[in-house]
Amino acid sequence: MLKPIDVLPADASEATLIARVWDPAVRAGRVAVVRGDELVDLSRSIATVSDLLDEADPVARVRSAEATRTWPLDEVLEASFAGDVDRPYLLAPLDLQVVKACGVTFVDSMVERVIEERCGGDPSAAAAVRAEVSAAIGGDLASLQPGSPAAQEAKRVLQERGFWSQYLEVGIGPDPEVFSKAPVLASVGVGAGIGVPDFSAWNNPEPELVLSVNSRGEIRGVTLGNDVNLRDVEGRSALLLGKAKDNNASSAVGPFLRLFDERFTLDSVRGEDIELRVDGADGYVMMGVNSVSRISRPFEDLVAATYGEHHQYPDGFVLFTGTLFAPTEDRGERGLGFTHHYGDNVTIRSPHLGALHNTVREMSELPRWSVGLREFMAGQQRIAAEQ
């Protein structure tokens, strides 16, 4: 059983860490903040994370908010990892925000998407296609600025070679890929099971930095995310992106939302290394790193592609920023690469944001998604009635 030290960032004592705690008594999530070894309930004065991020100074608001109760952090974590819904446990640290995601923001993972496309989602063909594609395009793209004249020239050359792809278009073209990852309130938090449907035989975790953006398009904090991906489904056709990305418990976010303050800013995470570890029930171990400094587009450009005159988000949004990491090592039969097994423990960790732990489960083992907007609003009314 994990302890607070296993999920908190290294500098937790200096961080403003926002959580959402499920309260079974009122069947609703409460906004809370980490203070020492406790979670402090702020729901009397801060109804939603969305409201908090729209404040002129969210950190000052948290520091001045009236606390109504506390929960021992270790007990809440215990319930979170045990799946004990009759006790308070951690939800994803977002509520009314739309869950958006960017894809193909790193050259390495862009090449893997091209490989998926060219082998039609068949993992047995991936090794041969990877060698072919990497020889043709791998070295040409690493230093390109997306949308630049040099990128346009690379596009022309690659088209002549017959290697142009829709993934290269969003990887080095003027416009990034931005898609809807999950419905509002569908993301799961630390300790929860994550879902891989039985129709997928080639899938993987995607460790990512997640931006939390308010209704004015301002980035107010960051957290960690797992953009669980079905490689065989998307590889068959990019038009199956929804089927590949949006499934029950396929969006994991947490463990906490770290707000920007006088010590911690967006620049603090531009060079963050996000570590991934997968521990299989069979003793298998895979490790990798998503080095955020190698992202091909600035965070501000990704937000601008999501929010602006073309699209607004009255309750704000969170934005998965993509991943450098794309696992290629074989797990089992040679040439088939990596895929999840049920029971895999997935840990996504970074120095400033702590560690997001989840376990891969069959869909039939996962709790059904039951708290939508109607239930959320009813829960808010029950919390308000306490006052």
Protein backbone atom coordinates (compact mmCIF):
# COMPACT_ATOMS: atom_id res chain seq x y z
CA MET A 1 0.00 0.00 0.00
CA LEU A 2 1.46 3.33 -1.05
CA LYS A 3 2.06 6.16 1.39
CA PRO A 4 1.85 9.95 0.90
CA ILE A 5 5.58 10.11 0.19
CA ASP A 6 4.98 7.81 -2.79
CA VAL A 7 2.60 10.25 -4.51
CA LEU A 8 3.64 13.73 -3.36
CA PRO A 9 6.18 15.86 -5.27
CA ALA A 10 9.67 16.22 -3.86
CA ASP A 11 8.98 19.79 -2.75
CA ALA A 12 5.45 19.16 -1.47
CA SER A 13 5.94 21.40 1.56
CA GLU A 14 6.33 24.39 -0.79
CA ALA A 15 3.60 23.40 -3.28
CA THR A 16 -0.03 24.43 -3.58
CA LEU A 17 -1.63 21.06 -4.35
CA ILE A 18 -5.34 20.88 -5.15
CA ALA A 19 -7.31 17.65 -4.85
CA ARG A 20 -10.86 16.49 -5.26
CA VAL A 21 -12.05 14.09 -2.58
CA TRP A 22 -15.10 11.89 -3.05
CA ASP A 23 -17.39 12.17 -0.03
CA PRO A 24 -19.69 9.11 0.07
CA ALA A 25 -21.98 10.78 2.60
CA VAL A 26 -23.21 13.30 0.03
CA ARG A 27 -22.16 11.42 -3.12
CA ALA A 28 -20.12 14.35 -4.36
CA GLY A 29 -16.56 15.48 -4.85
CA ARG A 30 -15.18 18.21 -2.59
CA VAL A 31 -12.36 20.62 -3.46
CA ALA A 32 -9.45 20.20 -1.05
CA VAL A 33 -5.84 21.27 -0.58
CA VAL A 34 -2.89 19.27 0.74
CA ARG A 35 -1.50 20.67 3.98
CA GLY A 36 1.18 18.52 5.54
CA ASP A 37 -0.20 15.01 5.99
CA GLU A 38 -3.84 16.08 5.65
CA LEU A 39 -6.35 16.97 2.97
CA VAL A 40 -8.25 20.10 3.98
CA ASP A 41 -11.82 20.52 2.72
CA LEU A 42 -12.42 23.88 1.01
CA SER A 43 -15.84 23.11 -0.45
CA ARG A 44 -17.72 25.58 1.75
CA SER A 45 -16.07 28.50 -0.04
CA ILE A 46 -14.75 26.90 -3.26
CA ALA A 47 -17.41 24.88 -5.01
CA THR A 48 -15.44 23.62 -8.01
CA VAL A 49 -11.90 23.52 -9.36
CA SER A 50 -13.27 25.34 -12.40
CA ASP A 51 -14.40 28.22 -10.15
CA LEU A 52 -11.05 28.31 -8.39
CA LEU A 53 -9.06 28.66 -11.61
CA ASP A 54 -11.18 31.60 -12.68
CA GLU A 55 -10.22 33.56 -9.56
CA ALA A 56 -7.88 36.51 -10.09
CA ASP A 57 -5.39 34.85 -7.70
CA PRO A 58 -6.23 31.16 -7.13
CA VAL A 59 -3.40 30.63 -4.64
CA ALA A 60 -4.47 33.55 -2.47
CA ARG A 61 -8.03 32.24 -2.65
CA VAL A 62 -6.91 28.82 -1.39
CA ARG A 63 -4.82 30.30 1.40
CA SER A 64 -7.72 32.42 2.64
CA ALA A 65 -10.48 29.84 2.17
CA GLU A 66 -12.38 28.60 5.20
CA ALA A 67 -11.60 24.98 6.04
CA THR A 68 -14.51 22.85 7.20
CA ARG A 69 -12.96 19.43 7.80
CA THR A 70 -9.83 17.39 7.20
CA TRP A 71 -9.02 13.88 6.09
CA PRO A 72 -5.76 12.03 6.80
CA LEU A 73 -3.99 11.79 3.46
CA ASP A 74 -2.75 8.26 4.10
CA GLU A 75 -6.30 7.02 4.79
CA VAL A 76 -7.67 8.64 1.64
CA LEU A 77 -4.85 7.10 -0.39
CA GLU A 78 -5.53 3.70 1.15
CA ALA A 79 -9.18 3.90 0.07
CA SER A 80 -8.14 5.15 -3.39
CA PHE A 81 -5.90 2.16 -4.06
CA ALA A 82 -8.33 -0.31 -2.49
CA GLY A 83 -11.21 0.94 -4.63
CA ASP A 84 -13.25 1.44 -1.45
CA VAL A 85 -16.15 3.63 -2.56
CA ASP A 86 -17.63 3.70 0.94
CA ARG A 87 -14.75 5.85 2.20
CA PRO A 88 -13.36 9.19 0.95
CA TYR A 89 -10.97 8.66 -1.96
CA LEU A 90 -9.17 10.81 -4.53
CA LEU A 91 -10.83 11.80 -7.78
CA ALA A 92 -9.07 13.37 -10.74
CA PRO A 93 -8.25 17.00 -9.74
CA LEU A 94 -10.64 18.53 -12.27
CA ASP A 95 -14.39 18.74 -12.54
CA LEU A 96 -16.29 20.89 -15.08
CA GLN A 97 -13.32 21.38 -17.40
CA VAL A 98 -13.39 19.85 -20.86
CA VAL A 99 -10.65 17.24 -21.38
CA LYS A 100 -8.66 17.99 -24.52
CA ALA A 101 -5.42 16.47 -25.80
CA CYS A 102 -2.68 17.20 -28.30
CA GLY A 103 -1.06 14.49 -30.34
CA VAL A 104 2.14 14.20 -32.35
CA THR A 105 3.95 16.98 -30.45
CA PHE A 106 7.27 15.07 -30.32
CA VAL A 107 9.24 13.87 -33.34
CA ASP A 108 9.91 10.40 -31.89
CA SER A 109 6.25 9.65 -31.22
CA MET A 110 5.31 11.23 -34.56
CA VAL A 111 7.43 8.63 -36.34
CA GLU A 112 5.68 5.89 -34.36
CA ARG A 113 2.29 7.20 -35.51
CA VAL A 114 3.49 7.02 -39.12
CA ILE A 115 4.56 3.44 -38.45
CA GLU A 116 1.16 2.53 -37.00
CA GLU A 117 -0.50 3.99 -40.07
CA ARG A 118 1.74 2.24 -42.60
CA CYS A 119 1.37 -1.17 -40.95
CA GLY A 120 -2.41 -0.78 -40.59
CA GLY A 121 -2.40 -1.46 -36.86
CA ASP A 122 -0.72 -4.86 -37.25
CA PRO A 123 2.00 -5.12 -34.56
CA SER A 124 3.74 -8.01 -36.36
CA ALA A 125 4.63 -5.65 -39.21
CA ALA A 126 5.87 -2.83 -37.01
CA ALA A 127 9.57 -3.75 -36.81
CA ALA A 128 10.08 -3.88 -40.56
CA VAL A 129 8.06 -0.74 -41.18
CA ARG A 130 9.90 1.08 -38.37
CA ALA A 131 13.26 0.43 -40.03
CA GLU A 132 11.94 1.57 -43.40
CA VAL A 133 10.30 4.74 -42.11
CA SER A 134 13.15 5.72 -39.80
CA ALA A 135 15.67 5.38 -42.61
CA ALA A 136 13.57 7.65 -44.79
CA ILE A 137 12.48 10.38 -42.38
CA GLY A 138 13.92 9.95 -38.89
CA GLY A 139 16.93 12.22 -39.19
CA ASP A 140 15.26 14.81 -41.38
CA LEU A 141 12.72 16.05 -38.87
CA ALA A 142 14.26 16.28 -35.41
CA SER A 143 15.29 19.93 -35.61
CA LEU A 144 12.40 21.29 -37.68
CA GLN A 145 10.23 24.11 -36.37
CA PRO A 146 6.61 23.17 -37.16
CA GLY A 147 5.08 25.40 -39.83
CA SER A 148 8.43 26.92 -40.85
CA PRO A 149 9.66 27.21 -44.48
CA ALA A 150 12.11 24.38 -43.73
CA ALA A 151 9.21 22.20 -42.58
CA GLN A 152 7.33 22.96 -45.79
CA GLU A 153 10.38 21.98 -47.82
CA ALA A 154 10.64 18.72 -45.85
CA LYS A 155 6.99 18.08 -46.67
CA ARG A 156 7.70 18.50 -50.38
CA VAL A 157 10.64 16.09 -50.24
CA LEU A 158 8.73 13.48 -48.25
CA GLN A 159 5.78 13.66 -50.61
CA GLU A 160 8.14 12.96 -53.51
CA ARG A 161 9.46 9.91 -51.62
CA GLY A 162 5.94 8.67 -50.93
CA PHE A 163 6.31 9.01 -47.15
CA TRP A 164 3.99 11.91 -46.44
CA SER A 165 1.38 11.19 -43.77
CA GLN A 166 -1.45 12.92 -41.94
CA TYR A 167 0.67 12.50 -38.79
CA LEU A 168 3.53 14.41 -40.37
CA GLU A 169 1.05 17.14 -41.32
CA VAL A 170 0.15 17.80 -37.68
CA GLY A 171 3.69 17.06 -36.48
CA ILE A 172 5.58 19.58 -38.60
CA GLY A 173 2.77 21.51 -40.28
CA PRO A 174 1.32 24.84 -39.11
CA ASP A 175 -1.52 23.38 -37.03
CA PRO A 176 -1.16 20.91 -34.14
CA GLU A 177 -3.52 18.02 -33.54
CA VAL A 178 -6.04 18.84 -30.80
CA PHE A 179 -8.85 16.41 -29.98
CA SER A 180 -11.36 15.70 -27.23
CA LYS A 181 -9.91 13.02 -24.98
CA ALA A 182 -12.77 12.33 -22.57
CA PRO A 183 -16.17 13.67 -21.52
CA VAL A 184 -16.46 16.09 -18.61
CA LEU A 185 -16.18 14.21 -15.27
CA ALA A 186 -15.04 10.95 -16.94
CA SER A 187 -11.34 11.07 -15.95
CA VAL A 188 -10.14 8.87 -13.09
CA GLY A 189 -7.65 9.73 -10.36
CA VAL A 190 -4.71 8.15 -8.60
CA GLY A 191 -5.20 4.54 -7.51
CA ALA A 192 -8.08 3.91 -9.91
CA GLY A 193 -8.16 1.21 -12.54
CA ILE A 194 -7.57 2.29 -16.13
CA GLY A 195 -9.39 0.63 -18.95
CA VAL A 196 -8.13 -1.34 -21.94
CA PRO A 197 -10.99 -2.92 -23.91
CA ASP A 198 -10.74 -6.52 -25.03
CA PHE A 199 -10.98 -5.56 -28.72
CA SER A 200 -7.44 -4.09 -28.56
CA ALA A 201 -4.32 -6.26 -28.76
CA TRP A 202 -1.76 -3.45 -29.18
CA ASN A 203 -1.94 -0.59 -26.69
CA ASN A 204 0.22 1.47 -24.37
CA PRO A 205 0.35 4.17 -21.70
CA GLU A 206 1.19 7.75 -22.65
CA PRO A 207 2.81 9.73 -19.79
CA GLU A 208 2.04 13.41 -20.30
CA LEU A 209 2.14 16.85 -18.75
CA VAL A 210 -1.41 18.21 -18.44
CA LEU A 211 -2.12 21.95 -18.44
CA SER A 212 -5.08 23.28 -16.45
CA VAL A 213 -6.54 26.30 -18.26
CA ASN A 214 -9.30 28.63 -17.10
CA SER A 215 -12.18 30.13 -19.06
CA ARG A 216 -9.98 33.04 -20.19
CA GLY A 217 -7.37 30.76 -21.74
CA GLU A 218 -4.87 31.29 -18.89
CA ILE A 219 -2.73 28.35 -17.75
CA ARG A 220 -3.13 28.29 -13.96
CA GLY A 221 -1.49 24.98 -13.02
CA VAL A 222 -0.29 21.58 -14.18
CA THR A 223 -0.67 17.92 -13.34
CA LEU A 224 0.20 14.49 -14.75
CA GLY A 225 -1.88 12.40 -17.11
CA ASN A 226 -2.03 9.01 -18.79
CA ASP A 227 -3.54 9.31 -22.27
CA VAL A 228 -4.19 5.56 -22.61
CA ASN A 229 -3.91 4.69 -26.31
CA LEU A 230 -5.02 1.77 -28.49
CA ARG A 231 -2.34 1.64 -31.17
CA ASP A 232 -3.97 -1.05 -33.28
CA VAL A 233 -7.26 0.87 -33.49
CA GLU A 234 -5.76 4.22 -34.46
CA GLY A 235 -3.34 2.46 -36.78
CA ARG A 236 -6.23 1.07 -38.82
CA SER A 237 -7.51 4.58 -39.47
CA ALA A 238 -7.01 8.00 -37.90
CA LEU A 239 -10.80 8.38 -38.22
CA LEU A 240 -11.01 5.83 -35.39
CA LEU A 241 -9.27 8.24 -33.00
CA GLY A 242 -12.34 8.44 -30.76
CA LYS A 243 -12.50 4.65 -30.45
CA ALA A 244 -8.76 4.53 -29.75
CA LYS A 245 -8.71 7.30 -27.15
CA ASP A 246 -12.09 7.65 -25.43
CA ASN A 247 -13.05 4.54 -23.49
CA ASN A 248 -14.13 3.94 -19.91
CA ALA A 249 -11.30 5.04 -17.57
CA SER A 250 -8.94 5.78 -20.46
CA SER A 251 -8.08 9.24 -19.10
CA ALA A 252 -6.17 9.23 -15.81
CA VAL A 253 -5.19 12.57 -14.24
CA GLY A 254 -3.46 13.43 -10.98
CA PRO A 255 -2.55 12.86 -8.29
CA PHE A 256 -2.96 16.59 -7.59
CA LEU A 257 -3.23 19.83 -9.51
CA ARG A 258 -0.25 22.04 -8.71
CA LEU A 259 -1.14 25.73 -8.94
CA PHE A 260 1.35 28.30 -10.10
CA ASP A 261 2.61 30.50 -7.27
CA GLU A 262 5.63 32.61 -6.32
CA ARG A 263 7.92 29.53 -6.35
CA PHE A 264 6.42 27.50 -9.17
CA THR A 265 5.61 28.73 -12.69
CA LEU A 266 5.09 27.34 -16.16
CA ASP A 267 8.82 27.74 -16.75
CA SER A 268 9.40 25.33 -13.86
CA VAL A 269 8.06 22.43 -15.96
CA ARG A 270 9.35 23.28 -19.43
CA GLY A 271 12.29 20.97 -18.71
CA GLU A 272 10.42 18.41 -16.60
CA ASP A 273 11.30 14.74 -17.07
CA ILE A 274 8.19 12.59 -16.67
CA GLU A 275 9.15 9.03 -15.83
CA LEU A 276 7.09 5.99 -16.70
CA ARG A 277 7.29 2.55 -15.11
CA VAL A 278 5.10 -0.44 -15.92
CA ASP A 279 5.22 -3.40 -13.52
CA GLY A 280 3.49 -6.48 -14.82
CA ALA A 281 1.93 -9.11 -12.61
CA ASP A 282 4.32 -11.57 -14.33
CA GLY A 283 7.42 -9.66 -13.17
CA TYR A 284 7.82 -7.74 -16.42
CA VAL A 285 9.20 -4.20 -16.02
CA MET A 286 9.32 -1.42 -18.58
CA MET A 287 10.67 2.08 -17.95
CA GLY A 288 10.79 5.20 -20.06
CA VAL A 289 10.98 8.99 -19.92
CA ASN A 290 8.97 11.77 -21.52
CA SER A 291 11.42 14.69 -21.66
CA VAL A 292 9.14 17.70 -21.94
CA SER A 293 12.01 19.93 -23.10
CA ARG A 294 11.95 18.10 -26.45
CA ILE A 295 8.39 19.09 -27.28
CA SER A 296 8.18 20.61 -30.76
CA ARG A 297 5.67 23.38 -29.95
CA PRO A 298 5.53 25.74 -26.94
CA PHE A 299 2.71 25.15 -24.44
CA GLU A 300 1.30 28.57 -25.31
CA ASP A 301 0.93 27.57 -28.98
CA LEU A 302 -0.97 24.42 -28.01
CA VAL A 303 -3.35 26.44 -25.84
CA ALA A 304 -3.81 29.01 -28.62
CA ALA A 305 -4.74 26.22 -31.03
CA THR A 306 -7.38 25.05 -28.54
CA TYR A 307 -8.81 28.32 -27.20
CA GLY A 308 -9.47 31.61 -28.98
CA GLU A 309 -11.95 33.34 -31.23
CA HIS A 310 -12.60 29.98 -32.87
CA HIS A 311 -13.49 28.18 -29.61
CA GLN A 312 -14.21 29.12 -26.01
CA TYR A 313 -14.56 27.03 -22.85
CA PRO A 314 -16.78 28.70 -20.24
CA ASP A 315 -15.70 26.23 -17.55
CA GLY A 316 -12.10 25.98 -18.68
CA PHE A 317 -10.28 22.91 -19.97
CA VAL A 318 -7.34 20.64 -19.28
CA LEU A 319 -4.93 19.89 -22.09
CA PHE A 320 -2.77 16.78 -22.43
CA THR A 321 0.37 18.03 -24.19
CA GLY A 322 1.54 14.83 -25.87
CA THR A 323 4.36 12.43 -25.16
CA LEU A 324 7.85 11.71 -26.39
CA PHE A 325 7.57 8.13 -25.15
CA ALA A 326 6.43 5.40 -27.55
CA PRO A 327 7.35 1.87 -26.38
CA THR A 328 8.91 -0.35 -29.04
CA GLU A 329 10.60 -3.12 -27.05
CA ASP A 330 9.11 -6.58 -27.39
CA ARG A 331 7.01 -7.98 -24.59
CA GLY A 332 6.83 -11.64 -25.40
CA GLU A 333 6.88 -12.73 -29.03
CA ARG A 334 9.67 -11.12 -31.06
CA GLY A 335 8.57 -8.34 -33.36
CA LEU A 336 5.21 -7.66 -31.68
CA GLY A 337 6.48 -4.80 -29.51
CA PHE A 338 4.92 -3.69 -26.23
CA THR A 339 1.30 -4.01 -25.24
CA HIS A 340 -0.45 -3.88 -21.88
CA HIS A 341 -1.44 -6.96 -19.92
CA TYR A 342 -4.29 -6.82 -17.44
CA GLY A 343 -2.87 -6.25 -13.98
CA ASP A 344 -0.08 -3.93 -15.12
CA ASN A 345 0.73 -1.29 -12.52
CA VAL A 346 1.49 2.00 -14.30
CA THR A 347 3.41 4.75 -12.51
CA ILE A 348 3.89 8.21 -14.04
CA ARG A 349 6.15 10.40 -11.92
CA SER A 350 7.92 13.75 -12.04
CA PRO A 351 9.84 15.80 -9.46
CA HIS A 352 7.41 18.75 -9.30
CA LEU A 353 4.12 16.87 -9.67
CA GLY A 354 4.44 13.64 -7.71
CA ALA A 355 3.31 10.25 -8.95
CA LEU A 356 0.15 9.02 -10.68
CA HIS A 357 -0.38 5.30 -10.03
CA ASN A 358 -3.02 3.20 -11.82
CA THR A 359 -3.65 -0.45 -12.65
CA VAL A 360 -4.78 -1.77 -16.03
CA ARG A 361 -8.09 -3.61 -15.74
CA GLU A 362 -10.59 -5.36 -17.95
CA MET A 363 -13.55 -3.14 -18.71
CA SER A 364 -15.90 -5.55 -16.96
CA GLU A 365 -13.91 -5.08 -13.71
CA LEU A 366 -14.09 -1.30 -13.75
CA PRO A 367 -16.80 0.72 -12.01
CA ARG A 368 -19.31 2.02 -14.51
CA TRP A 369 -19.05 5.75 -15.11
CA SER A 370 -22.10 7.01 -13.21
CA VAL A 371 -21.42 10.57 -12.02
CA GLY A 372 -22.28 12.83 -14.94
CA LEU A 373 -23.38 16.44 -14.88
CA ARG A 374 -26.85 15.78 -13.44
CA GLU A 375 -25.45 13.80 -10.53
CA PHE A 376 -22.66 16.35 -10.10
CA MET A 377 -25.16 19.22 -9.78
CA ALA A 378 -27.28 17.22 -7.35
CA GLY A 379 -24.17 16.57 -5.26
CA GLN A 380 -23.33 20.27 -5.24
CA GLN A 381 -26.81 21.01 -3.95
CA ARG A 382 -26.31 18.50 -1.12
CA ILE A 383 -23.04 20.18 -0.16
CA ALA A 384 -24.67 23.62 -0.26
CA ALA A 385 -27.50 22.38 1.97
CA GLU A 386 -24.97 21.63 4.74
CA GLN A 387 -24.30 25.33 5.08
